[in-house]
Amino acid sequence: PLGFIDFVRQGFSHPKKKLINNLTTLFPKERLAQIFNLLGIDLAIRPGKVPSTQWLLLFNELKIRRK
């Protein structure tokens, strides 16, 4: 099972790339875009610009909707 630390680590795997692209190794891009929009996260945001509270919300939403 995917843990929060591993999720954040993957998000920062390429810090200068867009977060959504870094996370496509874990989730389909379409699904990521849906959750980003749901949470009001800019699709072009870089990992370092995401507030820590948003990381947790994003992780929880993706885990809940994974099933």
C-alpha atoms as a PDB file:
ATOM      1  CA  PRO A   1       0.000   0.000   0.000  1.00  0.00           C
ATOM      2  CA  LEU A   2       1.089   3.527  -0.804  1.00  0.00           C
ATOM      3  CA  GLY A   3       2.147   5.559   2.214  1.00  0.00           C
ATOM      4  CA  PHE A   4       2.060   9.336   2.585  1.00  0.00           C
ATOM      5  CA  ILE A   5       5.870   9.681   2.711  1.00  0.00           C
ATOM      6  CA  ASP A   6       6.273   7.668  -0.500  1.00  0.00           C
ATOM      7  CA  PHE A   7       3.553   9.763  -2.133  1.00  0.00           C
ATOM      8  CA  VAL A   8       5.316  13.039  -1.263  1.00  0.00           C
ATOM      9  CA  ARG A   9       8.681  11.588  -2.278  1.00  0.00           C
ATOM     10  CA  GLN A  10       7.260  10.717  -5.699  1.00  0.00           C
ATOM     11  CA  GLY A  11       5.722  14.180  -5.956  1.00  0.00           C
ATOM     12  CA  PHE A  12       9.164  15.712  -5.440  1.00  0.00           C
ATOM     13  CA  SER A  13      10.994  13.204  -7.688  1.00  0.00           C
ATOM     14  CA  HIS A  14      11.502  15.989 -10.259  1.00  0.00           C
ATOM     15  CA  PRO A  15      11.024  19.269  -8.347  1.00  0.00           C
ATOM     16  CA  LYS A  16      11.117  21.485 -11.439  1.00  0.00           C
ATOM     17  CA  LYS A  17       8.425  19.493 -13.215  1.00  0.00           C
ATOM     18  CA  LYS A  18       4.709  19.912 -12.648  1.00  0.00           C
ATOM     19  CA  LEU A  19       3.366  17.928  -9.716  1.00  0.00           C
ATOM     20  CA  ILE A  20       0.694  16.251 -11.822  1.00  0.00           C
ATOM     21  CA  ASN A  21       3.378  14.825 -14.145  1.00  0.00           C
ATOM     22  CA  ASN A  22       5.437  13.495 -11.229  1.00  0.00           C
ATOM     23  CA  LEU A  23       2.402  11.652  -9.858  1.00  0.00           C
ATOM     24  CA  THR A  24       1.442   9.927 -13.127  1.00  0.00           C
ATOM     25  CA  THR A  25       3.667   7.008 -12.144  1.00  0.00           C
ATOM     26  CA  LEU A  26       1.177   6.336  -9.317  1.00  0.00           C
ATOM     27  CA  PHE A  27      -2.192   7.400 -10.774  1.00  0.00           C
ATOM     28  CA  PRO A  28      -3.703   8.038 -14.227  1.00  0.00           C
ATOM     29  CA  LYS A  29      -3.353  11.671 -15.314  1.00  0.00           C
ATOM     30  CA  GLU A  30      -7.109  12.054 -15.927  1.00  0.00           C
ATOM     31  CA  ARG A  31      -7.852  10.985 -12.365  1.00  0.00           C
ATOM     32  CA  LEU A  32      -5.198  13.307 -10.972  1.00  0.00           C
ATOM     33  CA  ALA A  33      -6.687  16.201 -12.944  1.00  0.00           C
ATOM     34  CA  GLN A  34     -10.149  15.459 -11.503  1.00  0.00           C
ATOM     35  CA  ILE A  35      -8.855  15.464  -7.927  1.00  0.00           C
ATOM     36  CA  PHE A  36      -6.689  18.555  -8.487  1.00  0.00           C
ATOM     37  CA  ASN A  37      -9.776  20.391  -9.799  1.00  0.00           C
ATOM     38  CA  LEU A  38     -11.904  19.123  -6.916  1.00  0.00           C
ATOM     39  CA  LEU A  39      -9.385  20.493  -4.402  1.00  0.00           C
ATOM     40  CA  GLY A  40      -8.707  23.711  -6.321  1.00  0.00           C
ATOM     41  CA  ILE A  41      -5.070  22.841  -7.043  1.00  0.00           C
ATOM     42  CA  ASP A  42      -3.577  24.436 -10.164  1.00  0.00           C
ATOM     43  CA  LEU A  43      -2.695  21.776 -12.745  1.00  0.00           C
ATOM     44  CA  ALA A  44       0.564  23.619 -13.497  1.00  0.00           C
ATOM     45  CA  ILE A  45       1.772  23.796  -9.865  1.00  0.00           C
ATOM     46  CA  ARG A  46       5.274  22.638  -8.980  1.00  0.00           C
ATOM     47  CA  PRO A  47       5.770  20.405  -5.908  1.00  0.00           C
ATOM     48  CA  GLY A  48       7.501  23.082  -3.833  1.00  0.00           C
ATOM     49  CA  LYS A  49       4.534  25.450  -4.180  1.00  0.00           C
ATOM     50  CA  VAL A  50       1.980  23.043  -2.678  1.00  0.00           C
ATOM     51  CA  PRO A  51       1.109  23.823   0.968  1.00  0.00           C
ATOM     52  CA  SER A  52       1.561  20.884   3.352  1.00  0.00           C
ATOM     53  CA  THR A  53      -2.170  20.773   4.095  1.00  0.00           C
ATOM     54  CA  GLN A  54      -2.895  20.361   0.383  1.00  0.00           C
ATOM     55  CA  TRP A  55      -0.469  17.421   0.162  1.00  0.00           C
ATOM     56  CA  LEU A  56      -2.448  15.608   2.841  1.00  0.00           C
ATOM     57  CA  LEU A  57      -5.816  16.414   1.258  1.00  0.00           C
ATOM     58  CA  LEU A  58      -4.556  15.286  -2.136  1.00  0.00           C
ATOM     59  CA  PHE A  59      -3.175  12.043  -0.731  1.00  0.00           C
ATOM     60  CA  ASN A  60      -6.383  11.276   1.157  1.00  0.00           C
ATOM     61  CA  GLU A  61      -8.632  11.998  -1.825  1.00  0.00           C
ATOM     62  CA  LEU A  62      -6.553   9.802  -4.116  1.00  0.00           C
ATOM     63  CA  LYS A  63      -6.479   6.969  -1.554  1.00  0.00           C
ATOM     64  CA  ILE A  64     -10.250   7.169  -0.939  1.00  0.00           C
ATOM     65  CA  ARG A  65     -11.059   7.185  -4.638  1.00  0.00           C
ATOM     66  CA  ARG A  66      -8.477   4.534  -5.519  1.00  0.00           C
ATOM     67  CA  LYS A  67     -10.969   1.709  -4.986  1.00  0.00           C
END
